Amino acid sequence: MLTIIVPGIDLYDEANAVFTTAEGFVLDLEHSLVSLSKWESIYEKPFLSSETKTDEEVFAYIKAMCITTNIPPEVFSRFSKENMEQINKYIDAKMSATWFNEEKPQKKTQEIITAELIYYWMVSYNIPIEFQHWHLNRLFTLIKIFNVKNSPPKKMNRSEILARNRELNAQRKATIGTAG
């Protein structure tokens, strides 16, 4: 979850010739499968596509991310540059210590990823529905772990086996401190 503070602003009421202050507002945001699903139900297109989003679509996604209730509509027009940077950094965050040893770059799939497809993956791997509130990148990492662990081990060819054995032998020699 990300908590941001939208700054307050000074307003001038011309009718009464009075300055007023709109207070800052605290927003709690969650980049999750739930947020993605809300956005896709409004726009009826995949959010995770490479298609450029309009400002309206971006702010609609931020609204879908909001956990905070009863937000005055003008709060979204007061976002600072720092607020947007915080949100983008949060969305792009890995949110996991897990890493994958990918020797060869994987082919990009042509499959369009939508909220329903992600729910399908969750159901097929028996991932509890509560995980729909996890940060989306963390959920993707978990799904990828299931995919890797459920895949048959990759067969190595002769040259790969020999290279691995040379590497293991070099590590053992270094650990023991011997030349052979």
N, C-alpha and C. Protein backbone atom coordinates (compact mmCIF):
# COMPACT_ATOMS: atom_id res chain seq x y z
N MET A 1 0.85 -1.18 0.00
CA MET A 1 0.00 0.00 0.00
C MET A 1 0.89 1.24 0.00
N LEU A 2 0.44 2.23 -0.69
CA LEU A 2 1.15 3.51 -0.76
C LEU A 2 0.27 4.58 -0.14
N THR A 3 0.85 5.38 0.72
CA THR A 3 0.15 6.51 1.30
C THR A 3 0.79 7.78 0.76
N ILE A 4 -0.02 8.64 0.15
CA ILE A 4 0.48 9.92 -0.34
C ILE A 4 -0.33 11.05 0.29
N ILE A 5 0.30 12.21 0.36
CA ILE A 5 -0.39 13.39 0.87
C ILE A 5 -0.53 14.37 -0.29
N VAL A 6 -1.76 14.61 -0.69
CA VAL A 6 -2.04 15.57 -1.75
C VAL A 6 -2.03 16.94 -1.08
N PRO A 7 -1.22 17.86 -1.60
CA PRO A 7 -1.06 19.16 -0.92
C PRO A 7 -2.34 19.99 -0.92
N GLY A 8 -2.46 20.81 0.11
CA GLY A 8 -3.56 21.76 0.18
C GLY A 8 -3.28 22.95 -0.71
N ILE A 9 -4.29 23.74 -0.95
CA ILE A 9 -4.11 24.95 -1.78
C ILE A 9 -4.91 26.10 -1.18
N ASP A 10 -4.48 27.31 -1.52
CA ASP A 10 -5.21 28.51 -1.12
C ASP A 10 -6.18 28.87 -2.24
N LEU A 11 -7.41 29.18 -1.86
CA LEU A 11 -8.44 29.53 -2.83
C LEU A 11 -8.95 30.93 -2.54
N TYR A 12 -9.42 31.59 -3.57
CA TYR A 12 -9.98 32.93 -3.39
C TYR A 12 -11.45 32.90 -3.79
N ASP A 13 -12.31 33.28 -2.88
CA ASP A 13 -13.75 33.37 -3.13
C ASP A 13 -14.05 34.80 -3.57
N GLU A 14 -14.25 34.97 -4.90
CA GLU A 14 -14.47 36.32 -5.43
C GLU A 14 -15.77 36.93 -4.95
N ALA A 15 -16.79 36.13 -4.76
CA ALA A 15 -18.09 36.65 -4.33
C ALA A 15 -17.99 37.30 -2.96
N ASN A 16 -17.24 36.67 -2.05
CA ASN A 16 -17.11 37.19 -0.69
C ASN A 16 -15.78 37.90 -0.45
N ALA A 17 -14.92 37.92 -1.45
CA ALA A 17 -13.60 38.53 -1.35
C ALA A 17 -12.83 38.00 -0.14
N VAL A 18 -12.79 36.64 -0.06
CA VAL A 18 -12.15 35.99 1.08
C VAL A 18 -11.24 34.87 0.57
N PHE A 19 -10.07 34.76 1.22
CA PHE A 19 -9.18 33.64 0.94
C PHE A 19 -9.56 32.47 1.84
N THR A 20 -9.57 31.28 1.28
CA THR A 20 -9.80 30.07 2.07
C THR A 20 -8.68 29.08 1.74
N THR A 21 -8.53 28.11 2.59
CA THR A 21 -7.50 27.09 2.38
C THR A 21 -8.16 25.72 2.30
N ALA A 22 -7.86 25.03 1.20
CA ALA A 22 -8.28 23.62 1.09
C ALA A 22 -7.16 22.80 1.70
N GLU A 23 -7.48 22.03 2.72
CA GLU A 23 -6.48 21.26 3.44
C GLU A 23 -5.90 20.16 2.56
N GLY A 24 -4.71 19.70 2.93
CA GLY A 24 -4.10 18.55 2.27
C GLY A 24 -4.95 17.31 2.53
N PHE A 25 -4.80 16.32 1.69
CA PHE A 25 -5.63 15.12 1.80
C PHE A 25 -4.72 13.89 1.74
N VAL A 26 -4.95 12.94 2.64
CA VAL A 26 -4.16 11.71 2.68
C VAL A 26 -4.90 10.63 1.91
N LEU A 27 -4.19 10.02 0.93
CA LEU A 27 -4.77 8.95 0.13
C LEU A 27 -3.98 7.66 0.34
N ASP A 28 -4.69 6.56 0.52
CA ASP A 28 -4.08 5.24 0.55
C ASP A 28 -4.39 4.56 -0.77
N LEU A 29 -3.33 4.10 -1.46
CA LEU A 29 -3.49 3.50 -2.78
C LEU A 29 -2.96 2.07 -2.78
N GLU A 30 -3.55 1.25 -3.64
CA GLU A 30 -3.15 -0.15 -3.75
C GLU A 30 -3.12 -0.53 -5.23
N HIS A 31 -1.92 -0.84 -5.76
CA HIS A 31 -1.77 -1.32 -7.14
C HIS A 31 -1.94 -2.83 -7.09
N SER A 32 -3.14 -3.28 -7.37
CA SER A 32 -3.45 -4.69 -7.18
C SER A 32 -4.35 -5.20 -8.30
N LEU A 33 -4.62 -6.47 -8.25
CA LEU A 33 -5.53 -7.08 -9.21
C LEU A 33 -6.93 -6.48 -9.08
N VAL A 34 -7.32 -6.13 -7.89
CA VAL A 34 -8.63 -5.49 -7.68
C VAL A 34 -8.69 -4.16 -8.42
N SER A 35 -7.65 -3.35 -8.30
CA SER A 35 -7.59 -2.06 -8.98
C SER A 35 -7.64 -2.24 -10.49
N LEU A 36 -6.85 -3.19 -10.97
CA LEU A 36 -6.81 -3.50 -12.40
C LEU A 36 -8.19 -3.90 -12.90
N SER A 37 -8.85 -4.75 -12.14
CA SER A 37 -10.18 -5.23 -12.51
C SER A 37 -11.20 -4.10 -12.55
N LYS A 38 -11.13 -3.20 -11.58
CA LYS A 38 -12.04 -2.04 -11.56
C LYS A 38 -11.86 -1.19 -12.81
N TRP A 39 -10.59 -0.90 -13.14
CA TRP A 39 -10.29 -0.06 -14.30
C TRP A 39 -10.78 -0.73 -15.59
N GLU A 40 -10.48 -2.03 -15.73
CA GLU A 40 -10.86 -2.74 -16.96
C GLU A 40 -12.38 -2.85 -17.09
N SER A 41 -13.10 -2.89 -15.99
CA SER A 41 -14.56 -2.94 -16.07
C SER A 41 -15.14 -1.63 -16.56
N ILE A 42 -14.43 -0.53 -16.33
CA ILE A 42 -14.89 0.78 -16.81
C ILE A 42 -14.55 0.96 -18.29
N TYR A 43 -13.29 0.69 -18.66
CA TYR A 43 -12.82 0.99 -20.01
C TYR A 43 -12.94 -0.19 -20.98
N GLU A 44 -13.19 -1.38 -20.47
CA GLU A 44 -13.38 -2.58 -21.28
C GLU A 44 -12.25 -2.81 -22.28
N LYS A 45 -11.03 -2.58 -21.80
CA LYS A 45 -9.83 -2.88 -22.58
C LYS A 45 -8.73 -3.23 -21.59
N PRO A 46 -7.70 -3.95 -22.05
CA PRO A 46 -6.65 -4.37 -21.11
C PRO A 46 -5.78 -3.19 -20.66
N PHE A 47 -5.60 -3.08 -19.36
CA PHE A 47 -4.79 -2.00 -18.80
C PHE A 47 -3.31 -2.26 -19.05
N LEU A 48 -2.89 -3.53 -19.00
CA LEU A 48 -1.47 -3.88 -19.09
C LEU A 48 -0.95 -3.93 -20.53
N SER A 49 -1.70 -3.41 -21.47
CA SER A 49 -1.24 -3.38 -22.86
C SER A 49 -0.20 -2.27 -23.03
N SER A 50 0.48 -2.27 -24.15
CA SER A 50 1.49 -1.24 -24.43
C SER A 50 0.85 0.03 -24.98
N GLU A 51 -0.45 -0.01 -25.15
CA GLU A 51 -1.17 1.17 -25.67
C GLU A 51 -1.04 2.34 -24.69
N THR A 52 -0.77 3.51 -25.23
CA THR A 52 -0.62 4.72 -24.40
C THR A 52 -1.97 5.09 -23.79
N LYS A 53 -1.93 5.43 -22.51
CA LYS A 53 -3.15 5.81 -21.79
C LYS A 53 -3.33 7.33 -21.82
N THR A 54 -4.56 7.76 -21.92
CA THR A 54 -4.86 9.19 -21.85
C THR A 54 -4.75 9.63 -20.39
N ASP A 55 -4.69 10.95 -20.17
CA ASP A 55 -4.65 11.46 -18.79
C ASP A 55 -5.89 11.02 -18.03
N GLU A 56 -7.03 11.01 -18.70
CA GLU A 56 -8.28 10.57 -18.07
C GLU A 56 -8.18 9.13 -17.63
N GLU A 57 -7.59 8.26 -18.46
CA GLU A 57 -7.45 6.85 -18.12
C GLU A 57 -6.46 6.65 -16.97
N VAL A 58 -5.40 7.43 -16.97
CA VAL A 58 -4.41 7.34 -15.89
C VAL A 58 -5.05 7.73 -14.56
N PHE A 59 -5.77 8.84 -14.55
CA PHE A 59 -6.43 9.26 -13.29
C PHE A 59 -7.54 8.30 -12.89
N ALA A 60 -8.18 7.68 -13.86
CA ALA A 60 -9.19 6.67 -13.53
C ALA A 60 -8.54 5.47 -12.85
N TYR A 61 -7.33 5.11 -13.29
CA TYR A 61 -6.63 4.01 -12.63
C TYR A 61 -6.22 4.41 -11.22
N ILE A 62 -5.75 5.62 -11.05
CA ILE A 62 -5.39 6.08 -9.70
C ILE A 62 -6.63 6.06 -8.80
N LYS A 63 -7.77 6.46 -9.32
CA LYS A 63 -9.01 6.40 -8.53
C LYS A 63 -9.36 4.96 -8.20
N ALA A 64 -9.13 4.03 -9.14
CA ALA A 64 -9.41 2.61 -8.88
C ALA A 64 -8.45 2.06 -7.82
N MET A 65 -7.27 2.63 -7.73
CA MET A 65 -6.28 2.20 -6.74
C MET A 65 -6.62 2.68 -5.33
N CYS A 66 -7.47 3.68 -5.20
CA CYS A 66 -7.75 4.30 -3.90
C CYS A 66 -8.50 3.37 -2.97
N ILE A 67 -7.93 3.22 -1.79
CA ILE A 67 -8.60 2.49 -0.71
C ILE A 67 -9.36 3.48 0.16
N THR A 68 -8.86 4.70 0.21
CA THR A 68 -9.50 5.76 0.98
C THR A 68 -10.90 6.02 0.40
N THR A 69 -11.86 6.23 1.28
CA THR A 69 -13.23 6.49 0.84
C THR A 69 -13.57 7.97 0.98
N ASN A 70 -14.66 8.36 0.38
CA ASN A 70 -15.19 9.73 0.45
C ASN A 70 -14.13 10.79 0.09
N ILE A 71 -13.56 10.62 -1.07
CA ILE A 71 -12.53 11.55 -1.55
C ILE A 71 -13.21 12.67 -2.33
N PRO A 72 -13.01 13.91 -1.95
CA PRO A 72 -13.57 15.00 -2.75
C PRO A 72 -12.97 14.97 -4.16
N PRO A 73 -13.78 15.15 -5.19
CA PRO A 73 -13.29 15.04 -6.57
C PRO A 73 -12.15 15.99 -6.90
N GLU A 74 -12.12 17.16 -6.28
CA GLU A 74 -11.07 18.13 -6.60
C GLU A 74 -9.68 17.70 -6.12
N VAL A 75 -9.62 16.72 -5.24
CA VAL A 75 -8.33 16.24 -4.73
C VAL A 75 -7.46 15.74 -5.89
N PHE A 76 -8.07 15.07 -6.85
CA PHE A 76 -7.30 14.51 -7.96
C PHE A 76 -6.72 15.59 -8.87
N SER A 77 -7.31 16.75 -8.89
CA SER A 77 -6.76 17.84 -9.71
C SER A 77 -5.62 18.56 -8.99
N ARG A 78 -5.40 18.24 -7.72
CA ARG A 78 -4.34 18.89 -6.93
C ARG A 78 -3.09 18.03 -6.80
N PHE A 79 -3.02 16.93 -7.53
CA PHE A 79 -1.83 16.08 -7.44
C PHE A 79 -0.60 16.89 -7.83
N SER A 80 0.45 16.75 -7.04
CA SER A 80 1.71 17.42 -7.37
C SER A 80 2.55 16.49 -8.25
N LYS A 81 3.61 17.05 -8.79
CA LYS A 81 4.55 16.25 -9.59
C LYS A 81 5.12 15.14 -8.71
N GLU A 82 5.41 15.45 -7.46
CA GLU A 82 5.95 14.47 -6.52
C GLU A 82 4.96 13.34 -6.26
N ASN A 83 3.66 13.69 -6.15
CA ASN A 83 2.63 12.66 -5.97
C ASN A 83 2.65 11.67 -7.12
N MET A 84 2.72 12.20 -8.36
CA MET A 84 2.72 11.34 -9.55
C MET A 84 3.99 10.49 -9.59
N GLU A 85 5.13 11.07 -9.20
CA GLU A 85 6.37 10.30 -9.18
C GLU A 85 6.29 9.18 -8.15
N GLN A 86 5.71 9.47 -6.97
CA GLN A 86 5.54 8.44 -5.94
C GLN A 86 4.67 7.29 -6.46
N ILE A 87 3.58 7.64 -7.12
CA ILE A 87 2.66 6.63 -7.63
C ILE A 87 3.35 5.78 -8.69
N ASN A 88 4.05 6.41 -9.63
CA ASN A 88 4.74 5.66 -10.68
C ASN A 88 5.83 4.76 -10.11
N LYS A 89 6.57 5.26 -9.13
CA LYS A 89 7.61 4.45 -8.49
C LYS A 89 7.00 3.24 -7.79
N TYR A 90 5.88 3.46 -7.13
CA TYR A 90 5.17 2.37 -6.43
C TYR A 90 4.67 1.32 -7.42
N ILE A 91 4.08 1.76 -8.53
CA ILE A 91 3.56 0.82 -9.53
C ILE A 91 4.70 0.01 -10.14
N ASP A 92 5.85 0.63 -10.37
CA ASP A 92 6.98 -0.06 -11.00
C ASP A 92 7.80 -0.91 -10.04
N ALA A 93 7.56 -0.78 -8.73
CA ALA A 93 8.37 -1.49 -7.73
C ALA A 93 8.23 -3.01 -7.89
N LYS A 94 9.33 -3.71 -7.65
CA LYS A 94 9.37 -5.17 -7.77
C LYS A 94 8.57 -5.83 -6.64
N MET A 95 8.70 -5.31 -5.43
CA MET A 95 7.99 -5.78 -4.24
C MET A 95 8.28 -7.23 -3.87
N SER A 96 9.46 -7.71 -4.22
CA SER A 96 9.83 -9.08 -3.89
C SER A 96 11.35 -9.21 -3.87
N ALA A 97 11.83 -10.14 -3.06
CA ALA A 97 13.26 -10.44 -3.04
C ALA A 97 13.59 -11.56 -4.02
N THR A 98 12.58 -12.14 -4.62
CA THR A 98 12.77 -13.26 -5.54
C THR A 98 13.36 -12.78 -6.85
N TRP A 99 14.30 -13.55 -7.37
CA TRP A 99 14.84 -13.28 -8.69
C TRP A 99 14.89 -14.59 -9.45
N PHE A 100 14.93 -14.48 -10.76
CA PHE A 100 14.90 -15.65 -11.61
C PHE A 100 16.18 -15.69 -12.43
N ASN A 101 16.77 -16.88 -12.52
CA ASN A 101 17.97 -17.08 -13.32
C ASN A 101 17.53 -17.43 -14.73
N GLU A 102 17.47 -16.43 -15.55
CA GLU A 102 17.02 -16.64 -16.92
C GLU A 102 18.22 -16.53 -17.84
N GLU A 103 18.73 -17.70 -18.28
CA GLU A 103 19.90 -17.73 -19.13
C GLU A 103 19.60 -17.16 -20.51
N LYS A 104 18.48 -17.53 -21.05
CA LYS A 104 18.09 -17.03 -22.37
C LYS A 104 16.88 -16.13 -22.19
N PRO A 105 16.86 -14.99 -22.88
CA PRO A 105 15.68 -14.14 -22.77
C PRO A 105 14.46 -14.89 -23.30
N GLN A 106 13.37 -14.77 -22.54
CA GLN A 106 12.15 -15.45 -22.94
C GLN A 106 11.47 -14.71 -24.07
N LYS A 107 10.80 -15.49 -24.91
CA LYS A 107 10.04 -14.89 -25.99
C LYS A 107 8.87 -14.12 -25.41
N LYS A 108 8.62 -12.96 -25.98
CA LYS A 108 7.44 -12.20 -25.57
C LYS A 108 6.21 -12.91 -26.10
N THR A 109 5.28 -13.16 -25.22
CA THR A 109 4.05 -13.81 -25.63
C THR A 109 3.09 -12.80 -26.25
N GLN A 110 2.30 -13.25 -27.16
CA GLN A 110 1.31 -12.39 -27.78
C GLN A 110 0.00 -12.38 -26.98
N GLU A 111 -0.03 -13.16 -25.90
CA GLU A 111 -1.23 -13.26 -25.08
C GLU A 111 -1.51 -11.92 -24.40
N ILE A 112 -2.74 -11.48 -24.49
CA ILE A 112 -3.15 -10.23 -23.87
C ILE A 112 -3.52 -10.54 -22.42
N ILE A 113 -2.87 -9.86 -21.50
CA ILE A 113 -3.10 -10.11 -20.08
C ILE A 113 -4.19 -9.18 -19.58
N THR A 114 -5.25 -9.77 -19.08
CA THR A 114 -6.36 -9.03 -18.50
C THR A 114 -6.56 -9.52 -17.07
N ALA A 115 -7.40 -8.83 -16.34
CA ALA A 115 -7.68 -9.21 -14.95
C ALA A 115 -8.24 -10.63 -14.89
N GLU A 116 -9.09 -10.98 -15.83
CA GLU A 116 -9.69 -12.32 -15.81
C GLU A 116 -8.64 -13.41 -16.04
N LEU A 117 -7.67 -13.15 -16.89
CA LEU A 117 -6.60 -14.12 -17.12
C LEU A 117 -5.79 -14.31 -15.84
N ILE A 118 -5.51 -13.23 -15.14
CA ILE A 118 -4.76 -13.32 -13.89
C ILE A 118 -5.57 -14.09 -12.85
N TYR A 119 -6.88 -13.83 -12.79
CA TYR A 119 -7.74 -14.62 -11.87
C TYR A 119 -7.71 -16.10 -12.26
N TYR A 120 -7.69 -16.39 -13.55
CA TYR A 120 -7.61 -17.78 -14.01
C TYR A 120 -6.32 -18.42 -13.50
N TRP A 121 -5.19 -17.70 -13.64
CA TRP A 121 -3.92 -18.24 -13.15
C TRP A 121 -4.00 -18.51 -11.66
N MET A 122 -4.61 -17.58 -10.93
CA MET A 122 -4.74 -17.77 -9.47
C MET A 122 -5.54 -19.01 -9.15
N VAL A 123 -6.65 -19.19 -9.83
CA VAL A 123 -7.51 -20.35 -9.58
C VAL A 123 -6.78 -21.63 -9.97
N SER A 124 -6.11 -21.64 -11.13
CA SER A 124 -5.45 -22.86 -11.59
C SER A 124 -4.29 -23.26 -10.68
N TYR A 125 -3.64 -22.29 -10.03
CA TYR A 125 -2.55 -22.60 -9.10
C TYR A 125 -3.02 -22.63 -7.64
N ASN A 126 -4.31 -22.56 -7.42
CA ASN A 126 -4.88 -22.57 -6.06
C ASN A 126 -4.32 -21.46 -5.18
N ILE A 127 -4.12 -20.29 -5.77
CA ILE A 127 -3.66 -19.13 -5.01
C ILE A 127 -4.89 -18.53 -4.33
N PRO A 128 -4.85 -18.31 -3.02
CA PRO A 128 -6.02 -17.78 -2.31
C PRO A 128 -6.48 -16.44 -2.89
N ILE A 129 -7.78 -16.24 -2.93
CA ILE A 129 -8.38 -15.04 -3.51
C ILE A 129 -7.95 -13.78 -2.77
N GLU A 130 -7.56 -13.90 -1.50
CA GLU A 130 -7.11 -12.74 -0.74
C GLU A 130 -5.87 -12.10 -1.38
N PHE A 131 -5.13 -12.87 -2.15
CA PHE A 131 -3.92 -12.36 -2.78
C PHE A 131 -4.23 -11.37 -3.90
N GLN A 132 -5.48 -11.20 -4.24
CA GLN A 132 -5.86 -10.20 -5.24
C GLN A 132 -5.57 -8.79 -4.75
N HIS A 133 -5.32 -8.64 -3.46
CA HIS A 133 -4.99 -7.34 -2.88
C HIS A 133 -3.49 -7.10 -2.79
N TRP A 134 -2.68 -8.12 -3.13
CA TRP A 134 -1.23 -7.95 -3.15
C TRP A 134 -0.84 -6.96 -4.23
N HIS A 135 0.33 -6.36 -4.08
CA HIS A 135 0.88 -5.53 -5.15
C HIS A 135 0.94 -6.41 -6.40
N LEU A 136 0.53 -5.88 -7.53
CA LEU A 136 0.40 -6.65 -8.75
C LEU A 136 1.72 -7.31 -9.16
N ASN A 137 2.84 -6.62 -9.03
CA ASN A 137 4.13 -7.22 -9.42
C ASN A 137 4.50 -8.38 -8.51
N ARG A 138 4.14 -8.29 -7.25
CA ARG A 138 4.40 -9.39 -6.31
C ARG A 138 3.54 -10.59 -6.66
N LEU A 139 2.30 -10.35 -7.04
CA LEU A 139 1.41 -11.44 -7.46
C LEU A 139 1.95 -12.09 -8.73
N PHE A 140 2.45 -11.29 -9.69
CA PHE A 140 3.04 -11.85 -10.90
C PHE A 140 4.25 -12.72 -10.57
N THR A 141 5.06 -12.30 -9.59
CA THR A 141 6.21 -13.10 -9.18
C THR A 141 5.76 -14.43 -8.62
N LEU A 142 4.74 -14.43 -7.79
CA LEU A 142 4.22 -15.68 -7.23
C LEU A 142 3.71 -16.60 -8.34
N ILE A 143 2.98 -16.05 -9.28
CA ILE A 143 2.46 -16.85 -10.40
C ILE A 143 3.62 -17.43 -11.21
N LYS A 144 4.67 -16.63 -11.42
CA LYS A 144 5.82 -17.11 -12.17
C LYS A 144 6.53 -18.23 -11.41
N ILE A 145 6.59 -18.13 -10.09
CA ILE A 145 7.18 -19.20 -9.28
C ILE A 145 6.40 -20.50 -9.46
N PHE A 146 5.09 -20.41 -9.40
CA PHE A 146 4.26 -21.60 -9.62
C PHE A 146 4.54 -22.18 -11.01
N ASN A 147 4.64 -21.33 -12.00
CA ASN A 147 4.88 -21.78 -13.36
C ASN A 147 6.24 -22.48 -13.47
N VAL A 148 7.27 -21.90 -12.87
CA VAL A 148 8.61 -22.49 -12.92
C VAL A 148 8.65 -23.81 -12.17
N LYS A 149 8.08 -23.83 -10.97
CA LYS A 149 8.13 -25.04 -10.15
C LYS A 149 7.30 -26.18 -10.74
N ASN A 150 6.27 -25.85 -11.51
CA ASN A 150 5.42 -26.87 -12.10
C ASN A 150 5.87 -27.29 -13.50
N SER A 151 6.92 -26.66 -14.01
CA SER A 151 7.44 -27.01 -15.33
C SER A 151 8.43 -28.16 -15.19
N PRO A 152 8.50 -29.04 -16.20
CA PRO A 152 9.51 -30.10 -16.13
C PRO A 152 10.90 -29.50 -16.21
N PRO A 153 11.88 -30.12 -15.55
CA PRO A 153 13.24 -29.56 -15.58
C PRO A 153 13.76 -29.54 -17.02
N LYS A 154 14.54 -28.49 -17.31
CA LYS A 154 15.09 -28.33 -18.66
C LYS A 154 16.24 -29.31 -18.83
N LYS A 155 16.23 -30.05 -19.92
CA LYS A 155 17.33 -30.96 -20.22
C LYS A 155 18.51 -30.16 -20.72
N MET A 156 19.70 -30.52 -20.20
CA MET A 156 20.91 -29.83 -20.65
C MET A 156 21.60 -30.68 -21.71
N ASN A 157 22.16 -30.03 -22.70
CA ASN A 157 22.93 -30.77 -23.70
C ASN A 157 24.34 -31.02 -23.15
N ARG A 158 25.13 -31.77 -23.87
CA ARG A 158 26.45 -32.19 -23.40
C ARG A 158 27.35 -30.99 -23.07
N SER A 159 27.38 -29.99 -23.92
CA SER A 159 28.26 -28.84 -23.67
C SER A 159 27.81 -28.06 -22.43
N GLU A 160 26.51 -27.97 -22.19
CA GLU A 160 26.02 -27.28 -20.98
C GLU A 160 26.41 -28.05 -19.72
N ILE A 161 26.33 -29.39 -19.78
CA ILE A 161 26.71 -30.22 -18.63
C ILE A 161 28.20 -30.04 -18.33
N LEU A 162 29.03 -30.07 -19.39
CA LEU A 162 30.47 -29.91 -19.19
C LEU A 162 30.79 -28.53 -18.64
N ALA A 163 30.13 -27.49 -19.13
CA ALA A 163 30.36 -26.13 -18.64
C ALA A 163 29.96 -26.01 -17.17
N ARG A 164 28.82 -26.60 -16.82
CA ARG A 164 28.38 -26.56 -15.42
C ARG A 164 29.36 -27.30 -14.52
N ASN A 165 29.84 -28.45 -14.96
CA ASN A 165 30.80 -29.22 -14.16
C ASN A 165 32.11 -28.47 -13.99
N ARG A 166 32.60 -27.78 -15.05
CA ARG A 166 33.81 -26.98 -14.93
C ARG A 166 33.62 -25.87 -13.89
N GLU A 167 32.45 -25.23 -13.93
CA GLU A 167 32.16 -24.15 -12.99
C GLU A 167 32.10 -24.68 -11.55
N LEU A 168 31.44 -25.83 -11.35
CA LEU A 168 31.37 -26.43 -10.00
C LEU A 168 32.75 -26.83 -9.51
N ASN A 169 33.56 -27.42 -10.39
CA ASN A 169 34.91 -27.82 -9.99
C ASN A 169 35.75 -26.61 -9.62
N ALA A 170 35.64 -25.52 -10.37
CA ALA A 170 36.39 -24.30 -10.05
C ALA A 170 35.95 -23.74 -8.70
N GLN A 171 34.66 -23.77 -8.42
CA GLN A 171 34.17 -23.29 -7.13
C GLN A 171 34.72 -24.17 -5.99
N ARG A 172 34.71 -25.48 -6.19
CA ARG A 172 35.20 -26.39 -5.14
C ARG A 172 36.70 -26.18 -4.91
N LYS A 173 37.47 -26.02 -5.98
CA LYS A 173 38.91 -25.76 -5.84
C LYS A 173 39.16 -24.48 -5.07
N ALA A 174 38.38 -23.45 -5.37
CA ALA A 174 38.55 -22.18 -4.69
C ALA A 174 38.19 -22.30 -3.20
N THR A 175 37.15 -23.07 -2.90
CA THR A 175 36.72 -23.25 -1.51
C THR A 175 37.77 -24.02 -0.71
N ILE A 176 38.30 -25.07 -1.31
CA ILE A 176 39.27 -25.93 -0.62
C ILE A 176 40.66 -25.30 -0.64
N GLY A 177 40.92 -24.49 -1.65
CA GLY A 177 42.23 -23.85 -1.76
C GLY A 177 43.27 -24.75 -2.39
N THR A 178 42.87 -25.53 -3.35
CA THR A 178 43.78 -26.46 -4.00
C THR A 178 43.85 -26.15 -5.50
N ALA A 179 44.88 -26.65 -6.14
CA ALA A 179 45.05 -26.43 -7.58
C ALA A 179 44.51 -27.60 -8.39
N GLY A 180 44.10 -28.63 -7.76
CA GLY A 180 43.62 -29.74 -8.55
C GLY A 180 43.42 -30.92 -7.71
